[in-house]
């Protein structure tokens, strides 16, 4: 059986699953039991917390499950709909505050990361859930707490932002994903760029930092959206990882959309996600960016993992200056390279142009390594075990010149993970 036969078999299997998933929802709902009352769950066992907190300095906590959003790329909503009941369920705020108080009193934990997909529930009741939680924390008079969590931009208003900051929220991750209105509609975000920018202004006014979830590379990326997204990130000083692409998981609405567009590239279930066809020009830009990130940028963070965690660990989320600085410096390197790649694809370029730019990247990464990790030996990681510049130059040139890719595959440094 050759590769094409395997692909066809997988496609037939998944097509059968898709038909049940997308068109048999009522039958599936009737077959599954209703969701368990979230307040009946016991608190997590924390026996290993002292060991874990030595590495991260924070404890994770969950105040709710699910998300009321309907984003086409997200598996959370699809997963929640496998069982009967609401897609977002909040714990009793008193119970959550009691767990926080217990962790603070018995383990000395002051820094907490809410792992809820969305700490806000739908509508006014969802907003009141966060307000009630904040009030319960205030009632217990716990001082000097630090929180971060995940939410949507449309959940943020000035009143709730001020209250969240009062109890110790310092950082919120909000899924922006794209600044293009058409892509936001295809993603069924239920948010506009205006809503997103309003949440940025509110959070900055109350001194809560916003970390954007962003996917420059997705099934609908164009040269225009890349430029527009980069302008947005520069405007607000955000520094997400640029060399990442949207992944398509089984059961998400985007999977069905790409099947109908005849763009889904079926992968083995062991891959964890499927790929999709995209303009080879965009794929070339992505793959060139990815190769440099993998061979040089990620090499530094993986090789210096212990020191990396050392600068990430801090008394609070707002005190991660060294980690935030490293993230921004790496973003600047990737951003400048991405702009260079866009220019290459819009005009003429030579292998000498690529070599010259990679030389600048190499020098900048060495500067970053020595400034962030002052105990660096005389030989930087790139020179010690990194891919030679000549070889990387040839590879990037070949990718840009020949455009051999039509998908956005993920690549990892498996040996160092």
Protein backbone atom coordinates (compact mmCIF):
# COMPACT_ATOMS: atom_id res chain seq x y z
CA UNK A 1 0.00 0.00 0.00
CA UNK A 2 1.56 3.29 -1.06
CA UNK A 3 1.22 6.74 0.53
CA UNK A 4 -1.73 7.78 -1.68
CA UNK A 5 -3.67 4.63 -0.73
CA UNK A 6 -3.12 5.36 2.96
CA UNK A 7 -4.26 8.96 2.48
CA UNK A 8 -7.42 7.82 0.66
CA UNK A 9 -8.23 5.33 3.39
CA UNK A 10 -7.80 7.93 6.10
CA UNK A 11 -9.99 10.32 4.15
CA UNK A 12 -12.79 7.75 3.88
CA UNK A 13 -12.58 6.98 7.60
CA UNK A 14 -12.66 10.63 8.56
CA UNK A 15 -15.45 11.38 6.10
CA UNK A 16 -17.62 8.84 7.92
CA UNK A 17 -16.74 10.44 11.25
CA UNK A 18 -17.38 13.92 9.85
CA UNK A 19 -20.83 12.95 8.63
CA UNK A 20 -21.78 11.82 12.13
CA UNK A 21 -20.09 14.78 13.71
CA UNK A 22 -21.48 17.55 11.57
CA UNK A 23 -24.88 16.17 10.64
CA UNK A 24 -25.86 13.83 13.46
CA UNK A 25 -25.62 16.19 16.41
CA UNK A 26 -29.12 15.62 17.79
CA UNK A 27 -28.67 11.85 17.72
CA UNK A 28 -25.28 12.14 19.38
CA UNK A 29 -26.64 14.46 22.07
CA UNK A 30 -29.40 11.99 22.88
CA UNK A 31 -26.86 9.20 23.17
CA UNK A 32 -24.58 11.04 25.60
CA UNK A 33 -25.23 11.83 29.23
CA UNK A 34 -25.57 15.35 30.56
CA UNK A 35 -22.60 17.22 31.95
CA UNK A 36 -21.67 16.66 35.58
CA UNK A 37 -22.25 19.53 37.99
CA UNK A 38 -18.87 21.27 38.07
CA UNK A 39 -19.31 22.17 41.73
CA UNK A 40 -19.41 18.48 42.67
CA UNK A 41 -15.77 18.00 41.70
CA UNK A 42 -13.17 17.79 44.47
CA UNK A 43 -10.25 20.19 44.52
CA UNK A 44 -7.15 18.89 42.71
CA UNK A 45 -4.53 17.04 44.71
CA UNK A 46 -1.58 19.38 45.28
CA UNK A 47 1.03 17.00 46.70
CA UNK A 48 3.62 17.97 44.08
CA UNK A 49 2.89 21.69 44.15
CA UNK A 50 6.02 22.59 46.19
CA UNK A 51 8.17 20.93 43.52
CA UNK A 52 6.29 22.53 40.61
CA UNK A 53 6.26 26.01 42.14
CA UNK A 54 10.05 25.91 42.43
CA UNK A 55 10.12 25.95 38.64
CA UNK A 56 7.24 28.30 37.81
CA UNK A 57 6.51 30.17 41.06
CA UNK A 58 2.78 29.94 40.35
CA UNK A 59 -0.09 27.52 40.83
CA UNK A 60 -2.72 26.83 38.17
CA UNK A 61 -6.39 26.95 39.05
CA UNK A 62 -9.66 26.47 37.16
CA UNK A 63 -12.77 28.53 37.93
CA UNK A 64 -14.83 27.27 34.98
CA UNK A 65 -14.88 24.84 32.09
CA UNK A 66 -15.48 25.46 28.42
CA UNK A 67 -16.09 28.65 26.44
CA UNK A 68 -19.25 30.18 25.04
CA UNK A 69 -17.40 31.24 21.87
CA UNK A 70 -17.96 29.43 18.57
CA UNK A 71 -14.59 29.95 16.86
CA UNK A 72 -14.31 27.67 13.84
CA UNK A 73 -10.71 26.68 14.58
CA UNK A 74 -11.18 25.86 18.28
CA UNK A 75 -11.73 22.31 19.52
CA UNK A 76 -13.01 23.43 22.92
CA UNK A 77 -16.50 24.31 21.74
CA UNK A 78 -16.70 21.13 19.64
CA UNK A 79 -15.59 19.03 22.60
CA UNK A 80 -18.16 20.61 24.94
CA UNK A 81 -20.94 19.84 22.46
CA UNK A 82 -20.23 16.11 22.59
CA UNK A 83 -22.23 16.02 25.85
CA UNK A 84 -25.56 17.64 26.64
CA UNK A 85 -25.53 20.95 28.45
CA UNK A 86 -23.97 24.43 28.34
CA UNK A 87 -20.62 24.94 26.64
CA UNK A 88 -19.42 27.08 29.59
CA UNK A 89 -19.85 26.12 33.24
CA UNK A 90 -18.66 28.25 36.15
CA UNK A 91 -17.73 27.06 39.61
CA UNK A 92 -19.25 28.72 42.66
CA UNK A 93 -17.07 31.84 43.19
CA UNK A 94 -17.00 31.16 46.94
CA UNK A 95 -15.55 27.71 46.32
CA UNK A 96 -12.88 29.09 43.98
CA UNK A 97 -11.92 31.81 46.48
CA UNK A 98 -11.69 29.19 49.22
CA UNK A 99 -9.32 27.11 47.11
CA UNK A 100 -7.16 30.18 46.48
CA UNK A 101 -7.16 30.97 50.20
CA UNK A 102 -6.14 27.38 51.01
CA UNK A 103 -3.26 27.45 48.52
CA UNK A 104 -2.16 30.84 49.84
CA UNK A 105 -2.34 29.78 53.50
CA UNK A 106 -1.01 26.21 53.34
CA UNK A 107 1.45 26.47 50.44
CA UNK A 108 2.36 30.16 50.47
CA UNK A 109 1.22 30.59 46.86
CA UNK A 110 0.68 34.20 45.79
CA UNK A 111 0.81 33.82 42.00
CA UNK A 112 -2.04 32.05 40.19
CA UNK A 113 -2.69 31.24 36.54
CA UNK A 114 -6.33 30.60 35.66
CA UNK A 115 -6.32 27.81 33.08
CA UNK A 116 -9.97 28.36 32.08
CA UNK A 117 -10.39 28.59 28.29
CA UNK A 118 -12.46 31.69 29.15
CA UNK A 119 -12.82 33.00 32.70
CA UNK A 120 -15.97 34.83 31.56
CA UNK A 121 -19.23 33.04 30.88
CA UNK A 122 -21.82 34.26 28.36
CA UNK A 123 -23.79 37.49 28.83
CA UNK A 124 -24.43 39.38 32.03
CA UNK A 125 -24.37 36.24 34.19
CA UNK A 126 -20.91 35.41 32.89
CA UNK A 127 -19.73 38.91 33.72
CA UNK A 128 -21.27 38.67 37.19
CA UNK A 129 -19.38 35.41 37.75
CA UNK A 130 -16.04 37.24 37.45
CA UNK A 131 -17.29 40.16 39.57
CA UNK A 132 -18.51 37.78 42.28
CA UNK A 133 -15.19 35.93 42.25
CA UNK A 134 -13.28 39.19 42.68
CA UNK A 135 -15.54 40.22 45.56
CA UNK A 136 -15.05 36.85 47.26
CA UNK A 137 -11.27 37.26 47.03
CA UNK A 138 -11.51 40.79 48.47
CA UNK A 139 -13.73 39.54 51.29
CA UNK A 140 -11.01 37.11 52.41
CA UNK A 141 -8.47 39.95 52.73
CA UNK A 142 -5.63 38.12 50.98
CA UNK A 143 -2.90 40.64 50.19
CA UNK A 144 -0.40 40.78 47.36
CA UNK A 145 -1.98 38.19 45.05
CA UNK A 146 -1.11 38.02 41.35
CA UNK A 147 -3.35 36.53 38.64
CA UNK A 148 -3.43 35.91 34.92
CA UNK A 149 -6.13 34.29 32.78
CA UNK A 150 -7.72 33.89 29.36
CA UNK A 151 -10.76 35.72 27.97
CA UNK A 152 -12.32 37.36 24.90
CA UNK A 153 -12.03 41.06 24.05
CA UNK A 154 -15.81 41.58 24.16
CA UNK A 155 -15.82 40.51 27.84
CA UNK A 156 -13.78 43.52 28.93
CA UNK A 157 -15.27 46.79 30.16
CA UNK A 158 -13.81 49.49 32.40
CA UNK A 159 -15.70 48.52 35.57
CA UNK A 160 -14.78 44.85 35.48
CA UNK A 161 -11.22 45.72 34.42
CA UNK A 162 -10.75 47.98 37.44
CA UNK A 163 -12.11 45.34 39.79
CA UNK A 164 -9.89 42.62 38.32
CA UNK A 165 -6.84 44.81 38.73
CA UNK A 166 -7.83 45.57 42.33
CA UNK A 167 -7.70 41.89 43.30
CA UNK A 168 -4.40 41.28 41.51
CA UNK A 169 -5.00 40.46 37.83
CA UNK A 170 -1.86 41.54 35.98
CA UNK A 171 -2.10 39.77 32.65
CA UNK A 172 -4.85 38.55 30.32
CA UNK A 173 -4.40 36.51 27.18
CA UNK A 174 -6.94 37.45 24.52
CA UNK A 175 -7.27 35.66 21.19
CA UNK A 176 -6.90 38.36 18.53
CA UNK A 177 -5.87 35.86 15.81
CA UNK A 178 -6.06 38.33 12.88
CA UNK A 179 -6.77 41.97 12.09
CA UNK A 180 -8.50 41.15 8.81
CA UNK A 181 -12.30 41.45 9.09
CA UNK A 182 -12.93 38.70 6.53
CA UNK A 183 -10.70 36.25 8.40
CA UNK A 184 -12.36 37.14 11.73
CA UNK A 185 -15.73 36.37 10.13
CA UNK A 186 -14.49 33.06 8.72
CA UNK A 187 -13.14 32.21 12.18
CA UNK A 188 -16.58 33.16 13.59
CA UNK A 189 -14.88 35.14 16.32
CA UNK A 190 -17.89 37.29 17.13
CA UNK A 191 -15.47 40.17 17.66
CA UNK A 192 -14.31 43.04 15.48
CA UNK A 193 -11.01 44.88 15.35
CA UNK A 194 -12.79 47.81 17.00
CA UNK A 195 -13.81 45.59 19.95
CA UNK A 196 -10.28 44.24 20.23
CA UNK A 197 -8.68 47.70 20.20
CA UNK A 198 -11.19 48.93 22.79
CA UNK A 199 -10.20 46.09 25.15
CA UNK A 200 -6.53 47.01 24.68
CA UNK A 201 -7.21 50.61 25.70
CA UNK A 202 -9.25 49.58 28.75
CA UNK A 203 -6.73 47.03 30.00
CA UNK A 204 -3.81 49.41 29.55
CA UNK A 205 -5.72 52.14 31.41
CA UNK A 206 -6.09 49.85 34.45
CA UNK A 207 -2.51 48.52 34.08
CA UNK A 208 -3.35 44.95 33.10
CA UNK A 209 -1.05 43.71 30.34
CA UNK A 210 -2.62 42.02 27.34
CA UNK A 211 -0.95 39.04 25.68
CA UNK A 212 -2.48 38.47 22.22
CA UNK A 213 -3.16 35.06 20.77
CA UNK A 214 -2.20 35.58 17.13
CA UNK A 215 -2.14 33.46 13.97
CA UNK A 216 -0.53 35.36 11.11
CA UNK A 217 -0.30 32.12 9.17
CA UNK A 218 -3.67 30.46 8.65
CA UNK A 219 -5.71 29.04 5.72
CA UNK A 220 -6.69 32.53 4.57
CA UNK A 221 -3.35 34.35 4.91
CA UNK A 222 -2.33 36.64 2.06
CA UNK A 223 0.57 39.02 1.58
CA UNK A 224 -1.81 41.86 2.47
CA UNK A 225 -2.93 40.28 5.75
CA UNK A 226 0.68 39.62 6.77
CA UNK A 227 1.57 43.28 6.30
CA UNK A 228 -1.59 44.46 8.06
CA UNK A 229 -1.05 42.12 11.02
CA UNK A 230 2.58 43.21 11.42
CA UNK A 231 1.50 46.87 11.44
CA UNK A 232 -1.00 46.08 14.21
CA UNK A 233 1.58 44.26 16.34
CA UNK A 234 4.06 47.09 15.94
CA UNK A 235 1.42 49.71 16.74
CA UNK A 236 0.61 48.15 20.11
CA UNK A 237 4.04 46.74 20.94
CA UNK A 238 2.93 43.10 21.04
CA UNK A 239 5.50 40.34 20.63
CA UNK A 240 3.93 36.95 19.81
CA UNK A 241 5.85 34.12 18.15
CA UNK A 242 5.52 34.73 14.41
CA UNK A 243 6.75 31.37 13.13
CA UNK A 244 3.60 29.46 14.05
CA UNK A 245 0.59 28.46 11.96
CA UNK A 246 -3.02 27.55 12.71
CA UNK A 247 -3.57 23.81 13.19
CA UNK A 248 -6.77 22.02 12.12
CA UNK A 249 -7.98 19.45 14.64
CA UNK A 250 -10.62 16.79 14.10
CA UNK A 251 -14.19 17.89 14.71
CA UNK A 252 -13.71 21.66 14.47
CA UNK A 253 -15.97 23.55 12.01
CA UNK A 254 -12.91 24.77 10.10
CA UNK A 255 -12.16 21.17 9.18
CA UNK A 256 -15.50 20.89 7.39
CA UNK A 257 -14.99 24.28 5.72
CA UNK A 258 -11.64 23.18 4.31
CA UNK A 259 -13.09 19.84 3.17
CA UNK A 260 -15.75 21.72 1.22
CA UNK A 261 -13.04 23.99 -0.24
CA UNK A 262 -11.08 20.83 -1.17
CA UNK A 263 -8.05 22.20 0.69
CA UNK A 264 -7.73 19.85 3.66
CA UNK A 265 -4.63 17.64 3.61
CA UNK A 266 -5.51 14.58 5.68
CA UNK A 267 -2.86 13.48 8.15
CA UNK A 268 -2.53 10.44 10.35
CA UNK A 269 -4.40 10.59 13.71
CA UNK A 270 -0.99 10.26 15.34
CA UNK A 271 -0.02 13.67 13.91
CA UNK A 272 -2.71 15.30 16.06
CA UNK A 273 -3.84 17.73 13.37
CA UNK A 274 -4.39 18.10 9.63
CA UNK A 275 -2.71 20.47 7.19
CA UNK A 276 -4.27 22.56 4.42
CA UNK A 277 -3.34 23.79 0.97
CA UNK A 278 -2.19 27.38 0.73
CA UNK A 279 -0.56 29.72 -1.78
CA UNK A 280 3.05 28.48 -2.32
CA UNK A 281 4.32 32.05 -1.91
CA UNK A 282 2.86 32.24 1.60
CA UNK A 283 4.12 28.73 2.32
CA UNK A 284 7.64 29.73 1.20
CA UNK A 285 7.65 32.75 3.52
CA UNK A 286 6.44 30.62 6.42
CA UNK A 287 8.91 27.79 5.82
CA UNK A 288 11.89 30.13 5.47
CA UNK A 289 10.90 31.86 8.72
CA UNK A 290 10.33 28.50 10.39
CA UNK A 291 13.69 27.07 9.37
CA UNK A 292 15.63 30.00 10.82
CA UNK A 293 13.54 29.90 13.99
CA UNK A 294 14.14 26.17 14.36
CA UNK A 295 17.85 26.14 13.55
CA UNK A 296 18.91 29.29 15.41
CA UNK A 297 16.26 30.96 17.58
CA UNK A 298 14.72 27.88 19.20
CA UNK A 299 18.17 26.37 19.53
CA UNK A 300 19.06 29.03 22.10
CA UNK A 301 15.92 28.65 24.22
CA UNK A 302 16.09 24.84 24.13
CA UNK A 303 19.81 24.61 24.88
CA UNK A 304 19.55 27.10 27.73
CA UNK A 305 16.32 25.66 29.09
CA UNK A 306 17.29 25.85 32.77
CA UNK A 307 18.31 29.51 32.51
CA UNK A 308 15.23 30.22 30.41
CA UNK A 309 12.97 28.96 33.21
CA UNK A 310 15.07 30.94 35.65
CA UNK A 311 14.24 34.25 33.99
CA UNK A 312 10.61 33.22 33.50
CA UNK A 313 10.18 32.54 37.21
CA UNK A 314 9.37 35.78 39.01
CA UNK A 315 7.51 37.10 42.11
CA UNK A 316 4.61 38.04 39.83
CA UNK A 317 3.60 38.12 36.17
CA UNK A 318 4.41 41.82 35.89
CA UNK A 319 7.91 41.20 37.30
CA UNK A 320 9.01 38.99 34.40
CA UNK A 321 11.12 41.78 32.90
CA UNK A 322 13.93 39.56 31.66
CA UNK A 323 11.54 37.02 30.13
CA UNK A 324 9.42 39.73 28.52
CA UNK A 325 12.57 41.41 27.20
CA UNK A 326 13.75 38.15 25.66
CA UNK A 327 10.35 37.58 24.04
CA UNK A 328 10.39 41.08 22.57
CA UNK A 329 13.97 40.85 21.29
CA UNK A 330 13.24 37.54 19.57
CA UNK A 331 10.04 39.02 18.13
CA UNK A 332 12.04 41.91 16.69
CA UNK A 333 14.42 39.48 15.00
CA UNK A 334 11.57 37.44 13.52
CA UNK A 335 9.60 40.53 12.54
CA UNK A 336 12.52 42.04 10.62
CA UNK A 337 13.18 38.72 8.89
CA UNK A 338 9.51 38.33 8.00
CA UNK A 339 9.49 41.81 6.46
CA UNK A 340 12.61 40.89 4.50
CA UNK A 341 10.96 37.69 3.22
CA UNK A 342 7.86 39.62 2.15
CA UNK A 343 10.06 42.03 0.20
CA UNK A 344 11.86 39.10 -1.44
CA UNK A 345 8.55 37.66 -2.60
CA UNK A 346 7.42 41.05 -3.92
CA UNK A 347 10.56 41.73 -5.95
CA UNK A 348 13.98 40.39 -6.91
CA UNK A 349 16.49 38.86 -4.52
CA UNK A 350 19.82 37.04 -4.61
CA UNK A 351 21.49 34.46 -2.42
CA UNK A 352 23.86 37.24 -1.36
CA UNK A 353 20.87 39.26 -0.06
CA UNK A 354 19.77 36.30 2.05
CA UNK A 355 23.27 35.64 3.36
CA UNK A 356 23.65 39.28 4.35
CA UNK A 357 20.36 39.28 6.26
CA UNK A 358 21.12 35.99 8.00
CA UNK A 359 24.46 37.45 9.04
CA UNK A 360 22.58 40.28 10.76
CA UNK A 361 20.23 37.79 12.45
CA UNK A 362 23.15 35.71 13.68
CA UNK A 363 24.91 38.74 15.16
CA UNK A 364 21.70 39.93 16.81
CA UNK A 365 20.95 36.53 18.36
CA UNK A 366 24.47 36.34 19.78
CA UNK A 367 23.97 39.80 21.33
CA UNK A 368 20.65 38.68 22.79
CA UNK A 369 22.16 35.50 24.25
CA UNK A 370 25.00 37.39 25.95
CA UNK A 371 22.71 40.14 27.29
CA UNK A 372 19.92 37.90 28.63
CA UNK A 373 22.18 35.09 29.84
CA UNK A 374 25.26 36.89 31.25
CA UNK A 375 26.94 33.61 32.25
CA UNK A 376 27.26 32.59 28.61
CA UNK A 377 30.59 30.98 27.72
CA UNK A 378 32.85 32.57 25.16
CA UNK A 379 31.31 30.47 22.37
CA UNK A 380 27.64 31.28 21.61
CA UNK A 381 25.16 28.44 21.10
CA UNK A 382 24.71 29.24 17.40
CA UNK A 383 28.43 28.82 16.73
CA UNK A 384 28.80 25.81 19.01
CA UNK A 385 26.00 23.55 17.74
CA UNK A 386 23.93 25.63 15.32
CA UNK A 387 23.50 25.07 11.60
CA UNK A 388 26.25 26.78 9.61
CA UNK A 389 25.18 30.08 8.05
CA UNK A 390 26.24 28.97 4.56
CA UNK A 391 24.02 25.89 4.74
CA UNK A 392 21.04 27.83 6.13
CA UNK A 393 21.47 30.52 3.46
CA UNK A 394 21.32 27.91 0.71
CA UNK A 395 18.26 26.29 2.25
CA UNK A 396 16.35 29.58 2.61
CA UNK A 397 17.31 30.60 -0.92
CA UNK A 398 16.05 27.28 -2.30
CA UNK A 399 12.75 27.61 -0.43
CA UNK A 400 12.12 31.15 -1.69
CA UNK A 401 13.27 30.42 -5.24
CA UNK A 402 11.57 27.07 -5.82
CA UNK A 403 8.53 27.42 -3.54
CA UNK A 404 8.31 23.64 -3.01
CA UNK A 405 5.68 23.77 -0.25
CA UNK A 406 1.91 24.18 -0.48
CA UNK A 407 1.07 23.62 3.21
CA UNK A 408 2.27 25.03 6.56
CA UNK A 409 3.72 21.98 8.36
CA UNK A 410 4.84 22.21 11.97
CA UNK A 411 8.47 21.51 12.80
CA UNK A 412 10.01 20.87 16.22
CA UNK A 413 13.38 20.28 17.79
CA UNK A 414 12.26 16.82 18.96
CA UNK A 415 15.72 15.81 20.15
CA UNK A 416 15.82 18.62 22.71
CA UNK A 417 12.20 18.38 23.92
